[in-house]
C-alpha atoms as a PDB file:
ATOM      1  CA  MET A   1       6.671  14.702 -29.349  1.00  0.00           C
ATOM      2  CA  SER A   2       6.683  13.945 -33.472  1.00  0.00           C
ATOM      3  CA  GLY A   3       3.921  13.620 -35.300  1.00  0.00           C
ATOM      4  CA  ASN A   4       3.280  10.471 -35.846  1.00  0.00           C
ATOM      5  CA  GLN A   5       0.014   9.970 -34.136  1.00  0.00           C
ATOM      6  CA  VAL A   6      -2.580   7.349 -35.926  1.00  0.00           C
ATOM      7  CA  PRO A   7      -6.149   8.321 -36.436  1.00  0.00           C
ATOM      8  CA  LEU A   8      -8.632   6.780 -34.827  1.00  0.00           C
ATOM      9  CA  ILE A   9     -11.718   6.488 -37.554  1.00  0.00           C
ATOM     10  CA  GLY A  10     -15.043   5.973 -36.478  1.00  0.00           C
ATOM     11  CA  ILE A  11     -15.135   6.762 -32.289  1.00  0.00           C
ATOM     12  CA  GLY A  12     -16.836   9.497 -30.946  1.00  0.00           C
ATOM     13  CA  LYS A  13     -17.621  10.337 -27.327  1.00  0.00           C
ATOM     14  CA  PRO A  14     -16.745   7.758 -24.646  1.00  0.00           C
ATOM     15  CA  ASN A  15     -19.577   5.396 -24.522  1.00  0.00           C
ATOM     16  CA  ILE A  16     -19.458   4.561 -20.629  1.00  0.00           C
ATOM     17  CA  ALA A  17     -22.156   1.585 -20.862  1.00  0.00           C
ATOM     18  CA  SER A  18     -20.884  -0.394 -23.495  1.00  0.00           C
ATOM     19  CA  GLY A  19     -16.978   0.071 -22.266  1.00  0.00           C
ATOM     20  CA  LEU A  20     -18.856  -1.312 -18.765  1.00  0.00           C
ATOM     21  CA  ALA A  21     -20.618  -4.214 -20.515  1.00  0.00           C
ATOM     22  CA  LEU A  22     -17.685  -5.301 -22.985  1.00  0.00           C
ATOM     23  CA  GLY A  23     -15.620  -5.783 -20.079  1.00  0.00           C
ATOM     24  CA  ALA A  24     -18.329  -6.719 -17.580  1.00  0.00           C
ATOM     25  CA  PHE A  25     -17.143 -10.434 -17.266  1.00  0.00           C
ATOM     26  CA  ASP A  26     -13.813 -10.104 -17.923  1.00  0.00           C
ATOM     27  CA  SER A  27     -13.136  -7.657 -15.079  1.00  0.00           C
ATOM     28  CA  GLU A  28     -15.559 -10.298 -12.687  1.00  0.00           C
ATOM     29  CA  ASN A  29     -12.547 -12.659 -13.593  1.00  0.00           C
ATOM     30  CA  ARG A  30      -9.513 -10.463 -13.202  1.00  0.00           C
ATOM     31  CA  CYS A  31     -10.781  -9.326  -9.806  1.00  0.00           C
ATOM     32  CA  MET A  32     -11.025 -12.794  -8.533  1.00  0.00           C
ATOM     33  CA  LYS A  33      -7.470 -13.283  -9.517  1.00  0.00           C
ATOM     34  CA  ASN A  34      -6.427  -9.774  -8.648  1.00  0.00           C
ATOM     35  CA  THR A  35      -5.073  -8.850 -11.908  1.00  0.00           C
ATOM     36  CA  ARG A  36      -6.066  -5.474 -13.141  1.00  0.00           C
ATOM     37  CA  THR A  37      -5.593  -3.387 -16.723  1.00  0.00           C
ATOM     38  CA  PHE A  38      -2.654  -0.467 -16.656  1.00  0.00           C
ATOM     39  CA  PHE A  39      -3.236   2.548 -19.140  1.00  0.00           C
ATOM     40  CA  ILE A  40       0.563   3.718 -19.224  1.00  0.00           C
ATOM     41  CA  THR A  41       1.636   6.538 -21.531  1.00  0.00           C
ATOM     42  CA  GLY A  42       5.261   6.643 -23.026  1.00  0.00           C
ATOM     43  CA  VAL A  43       6.490   3.442 -22.167  1.00  0.00           C
ATOM     44  CA  SER A  44       8.843   3.124 -24.836  1.00  0.00           C
ATOM     45  CA  SER A  45      12.108   3.453 -22.139  1.00  0.00           C
ATOM     46  CA  GLY A  46      12.550   4.646 -19.055  1.00  0.00           C
ATOM     47  CA  PHE A  47       9.997   4.667 -15.722  1.00  0.00           C
ATOM     48  CA  GLY A  48       6.934   3.688 -18.056  1.00  0.00           C
ATOM     49  CA  ARG A  49       9.002   0.900 -19.998  1.00  0.00           C
ATOM     50  CA  ALA A  50      10.096  -0.478 -16.179  1.00  0.00           C
ATOM     51  CA  ILE A  51       6.704  -0.044 -15.062  1.00  0.00           C
ATOM     52  CA  ALA A  52       4.593  -1.913 -18.005  1.00  0.00           C
ATOM     53  CA  ASN A  53       7.137  -5.118 -17.202  1.00  0.00           C
ATOM     54  CA  ALA A  54       6.752  -4.976 -13.446  1.00  0.00           C
ATOM     55  CA  ALA A  55       3.169  -4.733 -14.323  1.00  0.00           C
ATOM     56  CA  LEU A  56       3.228  -7.612 -16.925  1.00  0.00           C
ATOM     57  CA  HIS A  57       5.050  -9.806 -14.698  1.00  0.00           C
ATOM     58  CA  ALA A  58       2.987  -9.207 -11.873  1.00  0.00           C
ATOM     59  CA  GLY A  59       0.525 -10.821 -14.352  1.00  0.00           C
ATOM     60  CA  HIS A  60      -1.645  -7.908 -15.232  1.00  0.00           C
ATOM     61  CA  ARG A  61      -2.916  -6.218 -18.307  1.00  0.00           C
ATOM     62  CA  VAL A  62      -0.985  -3.500 -19.609  1.00  0.00           C
ATOM     63  CA  VAL A  63      -2.361  -0.980 -22.583  1.00  0.00           C
ATOM     64  CA  GLY A  64       0.934   1.001 -23.105  1.00  0.00           C
ATOM     65  CA  THR A  65       1.234   4.231 -25.701  1.00  0.00           C
ATOM     66  CA  VAL A  66       3.771   4.943 -27.522  1.00  0.00           C
ATOM     67  CA  ARG A  67       4.431   7.614 -30.669  1.00  0.00           C
ATOM     68  CA  SER A  68       5.885   5.343 -33.332  1.00  0.00           C
ATOM     69  CA  GLU A  69       5.056   2.139 -35.176  1.00  0.00           C
ATOM     70  CA  GLN A  70       8.477   1.088 -34.140  1.00  0.00           C
ATOM     71  CA  ALA A  71       8.234   1.703 -30.844  1.00  0.00           C
ATOM     72  CA  ALA A  72       5.010  -0.129 -30.524  1.00  0.00           C
ATOM     73  CA  ALA A  73       6.727  -3.218 -32.092  1.00  0.00           C
ATOM     74  CA  GLU A  74       9.392  -3.091 -30.003  1.00  0.00           C
ATOM     75  CA  PHE A  75       6.951  -3.117 -26.931  1.00  0.00           C
ATOM     76  CA  ARG A  76       4.974  -6.136 -27.998  1.00  0.00           C
ATOM     77  CA  THR A  77       8.359  -8.255 -29.059  1.00  0.00           C
ATOM     78  CA  GLN A  78      10.400  -6.509 -25.628  1.00  0.00           C
ATOM     79  CA  THR A  79       7.424  -7.912 -23.183  1.00  0.00           C
ATOM     80  CA  ARG A  80       4.979 -10.827 -22.656  1.00  0.00           C
ATOM     81  CA  GLU A  81       1.734 -11.818 -23.523  1.00  0.00           C
ATOM     82  CA  GLY A  82      -1.060  -9.026 -21.877  1.00  0.00           C
ATOM     83  CA  ALA A  83       1.696  -6.342 -23.632  1.00  0.00           C
ATOM     84  CA  HIS A  84      -0.709  -3.936 -25.792  1.00  0.00           C
ATOM     85  CA  ALA A  85       0.633  -1.131 -27.425  1.00  0.00           C
ATOM     86  CA  LYS A  86      -1.379   1.965 -29.036  1.00  0.00           C
ATOM     87  CA  LEU A  87      -0.137   4.920 -30.698  1.00  0.00           C
ATOM     88  CA  LEU A  88      -0.404   8.120 -28.954  1.00  0.00           C
ATOM     89  CA  ASP A  89       0.966  11.744 -29.260  1.00  0.00           C
ATOM     90  CA  VAL A  90      -0.297  13.746 -25.807  1.00  0.00           C
ATOM     91  CA  THR A  91      -0.184  16.661 -26.914  1.00  0.00           C
ATOM     92  CA  GLN A  92      -2.735  15.649 -29.670  1.00  0.00           C
ATOM     93  CA  PHE A  93      -5.302  16.268 -27.426  1.00  0.00           C
ATOM     94  CA  ASP A  94      -8.575  15.566 -29.433  1.00  0.00           C
ATOM     95  CA  ALA A  95      -7.069  11.846 -30.022  1.00  0.00           C
ATOM     96  CA  VAL A  96      -6.788  11.432 -26.394  1.00  0.00           C
ATOM     97  CA  ALA A  97     -10.169  10.642 -25.655  1.00  0.00           C
ATOM     98  CA  PRO A  98     -11.230   8.256 -28.214  1.00  0.00           C
ATOM     99  CA  LEU A  99      -8.380   6.395 -27.545  1.00  0.00           C
ATOM    100  CA  ALA A 100      -9.371   5.920 -23.610  1.00  0.00           C
ATOM    101  CA  ALA A 101     -13.174   4.736 -25.626  1.00  0.00           C
ATOM    102  CA  ALA A 102     -11.843   2.612 -27.580  1.00  0.00           C
ATOM    103  CA  VAL A 103      -9.288   0.954 -24.734  1.00  0.00           C
ATOM    104  CA  GLU A 104     -12.003   0.420 -22.845  1.00  0.00           C
ATOM    105  CA  ALA A 105     -14.362  -1.072 -25.408  1.00  0.00           C
ATOM    106  CA  GLU A 106     -11.836  -3.589 -26.890  1.00  0.00           C
ATOM    107  CA  HIS A 107      -9.408  -4.300 -23.327  1.00  0.00           C
ATOM    108  CA  GLY A 108     -12.262  -3.738 -20.878  1.00  0.00           C
ATOM    109  CA  PRO A 109     -11.840  -1.503 -17.260  1.00  0.00           C
ATOM    110  CA  VAL A 110      -8.566   0.497 -17.272  1.00  0.00           C
ATOM    111  CA  ASP A 111      -8.044   0.297 -13.064  1.00  0.00           C
ATOM    112  CA  VAL A 112      -4.757   2.072 -13.158  1.00  0.00           C
ATOM    113  CA  VAL A 113      -4.005   4.985 -15.485  1.00  0.00           C
ATOM    114  CA  VAL A 114      -0.242   5.869 -14.993  1.00  0.00           C
ATOM    115  CA  ASN A 115       0.700   9.472 -16.934  1.00  0.00           C
ATOM    116  CA  ASN A 116       4.044   9.200 -17.619  1.00  0.00           C
ATOM    117  CA  ALA A 117       4.741  10.735 -20.620  1.00  0.00           C
ATOM    118  CA  GLY A 118       7.028  13.939 -20.405  1.00  0.00           C
ATOM    119  CA  TYR A 119      10.355  15.176 -20.869  1.00  0.00           C
ATOM    120  CA  GLY A 120      12.784  17.423 -19.258  1.00  0.00           C
ATOM    121  CA  HIS A 121      13.574  21.182 -20.582  1.00  0.00           C
ATOM    122  CA  GLU A 122      16.740  22.302 -19.596  1.00  0.00           C
ATOM    123  CA  GLY A 123      17.631  26.027 -19.922  1.00  0.00           C
ATOM    124  CA  ILE A 124      18.038  29.608 -18.284  1.00  0.00           C
ATOM    125  CA  LEU A 125      14.770  30.961 -18.377  1.00  0.00           C
ATOM    126  CA  GLU A 126      16.061  34.549 -20.070  1.00  0.00           C
ATOM    127  CA  GLU A 127      17.608  32.528 -22.398  1.00  0.00           C
ATOM    128  CA  SER A 128      14.575  30.395 -23.031  1.00  0.00           C
ATOM    129  CA  SER A 129      11.594  30.580 -25.143  1.00  0.00           C
ATOM    130  CA  LEU A 130       8.254  31.133 -24.896  1.00  0.00           C
ATOM    131  CA  ASP A 131       7.676  28.487 -27.246  1.00  0.00           C
ATOM    132  CA  ASP A 132      10.219  26.298 -24.984  1.00  0.00           C
ATOM    133  CA  MET A 133       7.857  26.689 -21.979  1.00  0.00           C
ATOM    134  CA  ARG A 134       4.600  26.156 -24.254  1.00  0.00           C
ATOM    135  CA  ARG A 135       6.019  22.681 -25.353  1.00  0.00           C
ATOM    136  CA  GLN A 136       7.203  21.728 -22.030  1.00  0.00           C
ATOM    137  CA  PHE A 137       3.502  22.034 -20.710  1.00  0.00           C
ATOM    138  CA  ASP A 138       1.371  20.736 -23.378  1.00  0.00           C
ATOM    139  CA  VAL A 139       3.286  17.071 -22.751  1.00  0.00           C
ATOM    140  CA  ASN A 140       4.053  16.915 -18.902  1.00  0.00           C
ATOM    141  CA  VAL A 141       0.744  19.110 -18.096  1.00  0.00           C
ATOM    142  CA  PHE A 142      -1.668  19.186 -20.693  1.00  0.00           C
ATOM    143  CA  GLY A 143      -1.398  16.183 -21.915  1.00  0.00           C
ATOM    144  CA  ALA A 144      -1.644  14.003 -18.494  1.00  0.00           C
ATOM    145  CA  VAL A 145      -4.862  16.441 -17.860  1.00  0.00           C
ATOM    146  CA  ALA A 146      -6.007  15.367 -21.269  1.00  0.00           C
ATOM    147  CA  VAL A 147      -5.917  11.921 -20.472  1.00  0.00           C
ATOM    148  CA  MET A 148      -7.176  11.748 -16.569  1.00  0.00           C
ATOM    149  CA  LYS A 149     -10.329  13.866 -18.638  1.00  0.00           C
ATOM    150  CA  ALA A 150     -10.604  10.747 -20.676  1.00  0.00           C
ATOM    151  CA  PHE A 151     -10.681   8.071 -18.048  1.00  0.00           C
ATOM    152  CA  LEU A 152     -12.451   9.703 -14.969  1.00  0.00           C
ATOM    153  CA  PRO A 153     -16.012   9.228 -16.624  1.00  0.00           C
ATOM    154  CA  PHE A 154     -15.469   5.534 -16.679  1.00  0.00           C
ATOM    155  CA  MET A 155     -14.133   5.500 -13.310  1.00  0.00           C
ATOM    156  CA  ARG A 156     -16.320   7.702 -12.121  1.00  0.00           C
ATOM    157  CA  GLN A 157     -19.270   5.220 -13.268  1.00  0.00           C
ATOM    158  CA  ARG A 158     -17.444   2.309 -12.180  1.00  0.00           C
ATOM    159  CA  ARG A 159     -16.864   4.170  -8.571  1.00  0.00           C
ATOM    160  CA  ARG A 160     -13.134   3.069  -8.777  1.00  0.00           C
ATOM    161  CA  GLY A 161      -9.773   3.274  -9.983  1.00  0.00           C
ATOM    162  CA  HIS A 162      -6.574   4.645  -9.988  1.00  0.00           C
ATOM    163  CA  ILE A 163      -4.760   7.742 -11.547  1.00  0.00           C
ATOM    164  CA  VAL A 164      -0.873   7.811 -10.745  1.00  0.00           C
ATOM    165  CA  ASN A 165       1.131  10.833 -12.142  1.00  0.00           C
ATOM    166  CA  ILE A 166       4.538  10.483 -12.441  1.00  0.00           C
ATOM    167  CA  THR A 167       6.104  14.080 -10.934  1.00  0.00           C
ATOM    168  CA  SER A 168       8.894  14.759 -10.010  1.00  0.00           C
ATOM    169  CA  MET A 169      11.194  16.136  -6.816  1.00  0.00           C
ATOM    170  CA  GLY A 170      11.438  19.078  -8.985  1.00  0.00           C
ATOM    171  CA  GLY A 171       7.998  19.473  -8.192  1.00  0.00           C
ATOM    172  CA  TYR A 172       8.914  20.266  -4.382  1.00  0.00           C
ATOM    173  CA  ILE A 173      12.415  21.620  -5.216  1.00  0.00           C
ATOM    174  CA  THR A 174      14.004  23.980  -8.050  1.00  0.00           C
ATOM    175  CA  MET A 175      17.271  24.603  -9.294  1.00  0.00           C
ATOM    176  CA  PRO A 176      18.810  26.813 -11.687  1.00  0.00           C
ATOM    177  CA  GLY A 177      18.338  25.992 -15.669  1.00  0.00           C
ATOM    178  CA  ILE A 178      15.180  23.797 -15.206  1.00  0.00           C
ATOM    179  CA  SER A 179      12.596  26.593 -14.727  1.00  0.00           C
ATOM    180  CA  TYR A 180      10.196  25.441 -17.165  1.00  0.00           C
ATOM    181  CA  TYR A 181      10.497  21.682 -16.133  1.00  0.00           C
ATOM    182  CA  CYS A 182       9.849  22.295 -12.439  1.00  0.00           C
ATOM    183  CA  GLY A 183       6.976  24.170 -12.960  1.00  0.00           C
ATOM    184  CA  SER A 184       5.770  21.705 -14.982  1.00  0.00           C
ATOM    185  CA  LYS A 185       5.442  19.520 -12.075  1.00  0.00           C
ATOM    186  CA  PHE A 186       4.831  22.039  -9.566  1.00  0.00           C
ATOM    187  CA  ALA A 187       2.125  22.295 -11.790  1.00  0.00           C
ATOM    188  CA  LEU A 188       1.034  18.618 -12.067  1.00  0.00           C
ATOM    189  CA  GLU A 189       1.215  17.888  -8.106  1.00  0.00           C
ATOM    190  CA  GLY A 190      -0.989  20.824  -7.373  1.00  0.00           C
ATOM    191  CA  ILE A 191      -3.728  19.296  -9.963  1.00  0.00           C
ATOM    192  CA  SER A 192      -3.388  16.075  -8.925  1.00  0.00           C
ATOM    193  CA  GLU A 193      -4.014  16.775  -5.207  1.00  0.00           C
ATOM    194  CA  THR A 194      -6.719  19.041  -6.106  1.00  0.00           C
ATOM    195  CA  LEU A 195      -8.529  16.342  -8.430  1.00  0.00           C
ATOM    196  CA  ALA A 196      -7.921  13.805  -5.417  1.00  0.00           C
ATOM    197  CA  GLN A 197     -10.109  16.052  -3.050  1.00  0.00           C
ATOM    198  CA  GLU A 198     -12.371  16.256  -6.017  1.00  0.00           C
ATOM    199  CA  VAL A 199     -13.183  12.651  -6.742  1.00  0.00           C
ATOM    200  CA  LYS A 200     -12.255  10.830  -3.273  1.00  0.00           C
ATOM    201  CA  GLY A 201     -15.780  10.291  -2.796  1.00  0.00           C
ATOM    202  CA  PHE A 202     -16.359   7.861  -5.970  1.00  0.00           C
ATOM    203  CA  GLY A 203     -13.675   5.857  -5.262  1.00  0.00           C
ATOM    204  CA  ILE A 204     -11.405   6.961  -6.986  1.00  0.00           C
ATOM    205  CA  ALA A 205      -7.541   7.568  -5.915  1.00  0.00           C
ATOM    206  CA  VAL A 206      -4.843   9.872  -7.566  1.00  0.00           C
ATOM    207  CA  THR A 207      -1.261  10.108  -6.321  1.00  0.00           C
ATOM    208  CA  ALA A 208       1.316  12.487  -7.541  1.00  0.00           C
ATOM    209  CA  VAL A 209       4.438  10.553  -7.789  1.00  0.00           C
ATOM    210  CA  ALA A 210       8.182  12.365  -7.537  1.00  0.00           C
ATOM    211  CA  PRO A 211      10.751  10.328  -8.139  1.00  0.00           C
ATOM    212  CA  GLY A 212      14.180  11.969  -7.650  1.00  0.00           C
ATOM    213  CA  SER A 213      17.257  10.953  -9.791  1.00  0.00           C
ATOM    214  CA  PHE A 214      16.950   7.801 -11.362  1.00  0.00           C
ATOM    215  CA  ARG A 215      19.019   6.190 -14.657  1.00  0.00           C
ATOM    216  CA  THR A 216      16.792   6.560 -17.147  1.00  0.00           C
ATOM    217  CA  ASP A 217      17.358   9.101 -20.089  1.00  0.00           C
ATOM    218  CA  TRP A 218      15.658  12.239 -18.720  1.00  0.00           C
ATOM    219  CA  ALA A 219      19.212  13.893 -18.402  1.00  0.00           C
ATOM    220  CA  GLY A 220      20.336  12.112 -21.951  1.00  0.00           C
ATOM    221  CA  ARG A 221      18.939  11.907 -25.229  1.00  0.00           C
ATOM    222  CA  SER A 222      15.446  12.645 -23.935  1.00  0.00           C
ATOM    223  CA  MET A 223      16.455  16.220 -22.589  1.00  0.00           C
ATOM    224  CA  VAL A 224      15.552  19.278 -24.550  1.00  0.00           C
ATOM    225  CA  ARG A 225      18.315  21.761 -23.700  1.00  0.00           C
ATOM    226  CA  SER A 226      18.220  25.647 -25.127  1.00  0.00           C
ATOM    227  CA  ALA A 227      21.521  27.173 -26.504  1.00  0.00           C
ATOM    228  CA  ARG A 228      23.473  29.406 -24.509  1.00  0.00           C
ATOM    229  CA  SER A 229      23.769  33.055 -25.209  1.00  0.00           C
ATOM    230  CA  ILE A 230      24.147  35.217 -21.988  1.00  0.00           C
ATOM    231  CA  ASP A 231      27.638  35.497 -20.591  1.00  0.00           C
ATOM    232  CA  ASP A 232      26.518  36.687 -16.913  1.00  0.00           C
ATOM    233  CA  TYR A 233      25.530  33.029 -16.604  1.00  0.00           C
ATOM    234  CA  ASP A 234      27.944  31.308 -17.477  1.00  0.00           C
ATOM    235  CA  SER A 235      29.820  30.990 -13.762  1.00  0.00           C
ATOM    236  CA  LEU A 236      25.794  29.572 -12.373  1.00  0.00           C
ATOM    237  CA  PHE A 237      25.061  27.236 -14.736  1.00  0.00           C
ATOM    238  CA  ASP A 238      27.727  25.884 -16.832  1.00  0.00           C
ATOM    239  CA  PRO A 239      28.539  24.103 -13.875  1.00  0.00           C
ATOM    240  CA  ILE A 240      25.713  22.577 -13.732  1.00  0.00           C
ATOM    241  CA  ARG A 241      24.811  21.870 -17.096  1.00  0.00           C
ATOM    242  CA  GLN A 242      27.691  19.342 -17.395  1.00  0.00           C
ATOM    243  CA  SER A 243      27.458  18.042 -13.924  1.00  0.00           C
ATOM    244  CA  ARG A 244      24.194  16.880 -14.918  1.00  0.00           C
ATOM    245  CA  VAL A 245      25.708  15.369 -18.000  1.00  0.00           C
ATOM    246  CA  ASP A 246      28.266  13.589 -16.302  1.00  0.00           C
ATOM    247  CA  LYS A 247      25.909  11.978 -14.201  1.00  0.00           C
ATOM    248  CA  SER A 248      23.941  11.069 -16.834  1.00  0.00           C
ATOM    249  CA  GLY A 249      23.379   6.863 -16.082  1.00  0.00           C
ATOM    250  CA  LYS A 250      25.361   7.156 -13.106  1.00  0.00           C
ATOM    251  CA  GLN A 251      21.815   8.385 -10.775  1.00  0.00           C
ATOM    252  CA  LEU A 252      21.789   6.707  -7.803  1.00  0.00           C
ATOM    253  CA  GLY A 253      17.887   5.301  -8.152  1.00  0.00           C
ATOM    254  CA  ASP A 254      16.786   2.306  -9.716  1.00  0.00           C
ATOM    255  CA  PRO A 255      14.132   1.981 -12.757  1.00  0.00           C
ATOM    256  CA  ASP A 256      12.967  -1.331 -11.904  1.00  0.00           C
ATOM    257  CA  LYS A 257      13.254  -0.578  -7.882  1.00  0.00           C
ATOM    258  CA  ALA A 258      10.814   2.388  -8.564  1.00  0.00           C
ATOM    259  CA  ALA A 259       8.569   0.264 -10.776  1.00  0.00           C
ATOM    260  CA  ALA A 260       8.141  -2.113  -7.855  1.00  0.00           C
ATOM    261  CA  ALA A 261       7.223   0.725  -5.655  1.00  0.00           C
ATOM    262  CA  ILE A 262       4.032   1.945  -7.698  1.00  0.00           C
ATOM    263  CA  LEU A 263       2.846  -1.663  -8.394  1.00  0.00           C
ATOM    264  CA  ALA A 264       2.694  -1.743  -4.335  1.00  0.00           C
ATOM    265  CA  LEU A 265       1.293   1.784  -3.912  1.00  0.00           C
ATOM    266  CA  VAL A 266      -1.579   0.956  -6.133  1.00  0.00           C
ATOM    267  CA  ASP A 267      -2.277  -2.140  -4.012  1.00  0.00           C
ATOM    268  CA  MET A 268      -3.087  -0.148  -0.808  1.00  0.00           C
ATOM    269  CA  PRO A 269      -6.271  -0.188   0.124  1.00  0.00           C
ATOM    270  CA  GLN A 270      -5.891   3.995   0.986  1.00  0.00           C
ATOM    271  CA  PRO A 271      -2.945   5.228  -1.169  1.00  0.00           C
ATOM    272  CA  PRO A 272      -1.413   8.656  -0.065  1.00  0.00           C
ATOM    273  CA  GLN A 273      -2.011  11.605  -2.263  1.00  0.00           C
ATOM    274  CA  HIS A 274       1.861  12.541  -3.058  1.00  0.00           C
ATOM    275  CA  LEU A 275       4.865   9.809  -2.814  1.00  0.00           C
ATOM    276  CA  LEU A 276       8.522  10.529  -3.196  1.00  0.00           C
ATOM    277  CA  LEU A 277      11.152   8.172  -4.816  1.00  0.00           C
ATOM    278  CA  GLY A 278      14.653   7.466  -4.101  1.00  0.00           C
ATOM    279  CA  SER A 279      16.522   8.820  -0.595  1.00  0.00           C
ATOM    280  CA  ASP A 280      17.760  11.935  -2.961  1.00  0.00           C
ATOM    281  CA  ALA A 281      14.451  12.877  -3.287  1.00  0.00           C
ATOM    282  CA  LEU A 282      13.655  12.435   0.145  1.00  0.00           C
ATOM    283  CA  GLY A 283      16.850  14.628   1.464  1.00  0.00           C
ATOM    284  CA  LEU A 284      16.057  17.151  -0.514  1.00  0.00           C
ATOM    285  CA  VAL A 285      12.539  17.461  -0.132  1.00  0.00           C
ATOM    286  CA  ARG A 286      12.873  17.174   3.547  1.00  0.00           C
ATOM    287  CA  ALA A 287      15.244  20.510   3.791  1.00  0.00           C
ATOM    288  CA  LYS A 288      12.995  22.131   1.806  1.00  0.00           C
ATOM    289  CA  LEU A 289      10.611  22.007   4.003  1.00  0.00           C
ATOM    290  CA  ASP A 290      12.486  22.621   7.124  1.00  0.00           C
ATOM    291  CA  ALA A 291      13.349  25.803   5.270  1.00  0.00           C
ATOM    292  CA  THR A 292       9.911  26.944   4.332  1.00  0.00           C
ATOM    293  CA  GLN A 293       9.147  26.481   8.400  1.00  0.00           C
ATOM    294  CA  ALA A 294      11.607  28.620   9.077  1.00  0.00           C
ATOM    295  CA  SER A 295      10.980  30.898   6.937  1.00  0.00           C
ATOM    296  CA  LEU A 296       7.107  30.815   7.701  1.00  0.00           C
ATOM    297  CA  THR A 297       8.686  31.482  11.464  1.00  0.00           C
ATOM    298  CA  ARG A 298      10.769  34.589  10.656  1.00  0.00           C
ATOM    299  CA  HIS A 299       8.339  36.253   8.325  1.00  0.00           C
ATOM    300  CA  GLU A 300       5.389  35.088  10.568  1.00  0.00           C
ATOM    301  CA  ALA A 301       4.148  38.654  12.012  1.00  0.00           C
ATOM    302  CA  LEU A 302       4.493  40.346   8.795  1.00  0.00           C
ATOM    303  CA  THR A 303       2.049  37.733   7.720  1.00  0.00           C
ATOM    304  CA  ARG A 304      -0.398  38.516   9.996  1.00  0.00           C
ATOM    305  CA  SER A 305       0.200  42.384   9.857  1.00  0.00           C
ATOM    306  CA  THR A 306      -2.472  41.932   6.717  1.00  0.00           C
ATOM    307  CA  ASP A 307      -5.497  40.364   8.276  1.00  0.00           C
ATOM    308  CA  MET A 308      -8.688  42.782   8.903  1.00  0.00           C
ATOM    309  CA  ALA A 309      -8.493  44.406  12.504  1.00  0.00           C
END
């Protein structure tokens, strides 16, 4: 993430009542047309752009975040009416709540928040710095949490809303070389599930959406790769890294179909807390669950041995 956040001047704490009042008439009309306002982070490419395009095509309004003026201009020109671009680096945590308040005041109630902004770090744990890990979690976890915390007061006041957090099958399964990435996605899966329990009584749904391998820039220009330095890992990791590079752009998953699935998700009267996208994710996660169940059974006696007599 680059430091091109535009300061928002004169915006203080979220004014929930003001946001509700300004959006009341518009919200009523939108409900009659079954349209929604989406707030989507990271709409310059990949899943974010696909979800934004699908929502706009369906007649919804989209407020999307990007990190540069150029990306904002491209988003406005390459999408249709109803698209609004906002500059935001999600790691500029103090800027998130003021932007949420401004969006609520300017565009009316936000019905769906999609936390999509994120990236993948690739590197053997022993070779990767703690700064690499901190950056990965700042974007993939802390940034997403900052966005959720910014919109929750508005959604709670209205007693409705849907938060969709884009995680990964890497939040269920692991593989060598992406420990920081998997750790961040495991964290977001757990946070999403816990939050869903906390806000269910307010009419707010929270869904963690875990895609498999899709044809996005995740394994291409968007990926941050740590340099290799320890020969002992060569035979394990070098083939994995090369395979990931070779398969980039040839993955099974279609981002446009993923976007359509997310639109179907937000239309559900009782959306799930977790949703996998892609047959590869389904197969790998099922295998992980089967292996976990087998391990639980195999070690059940040792597990039970720790209870008080």
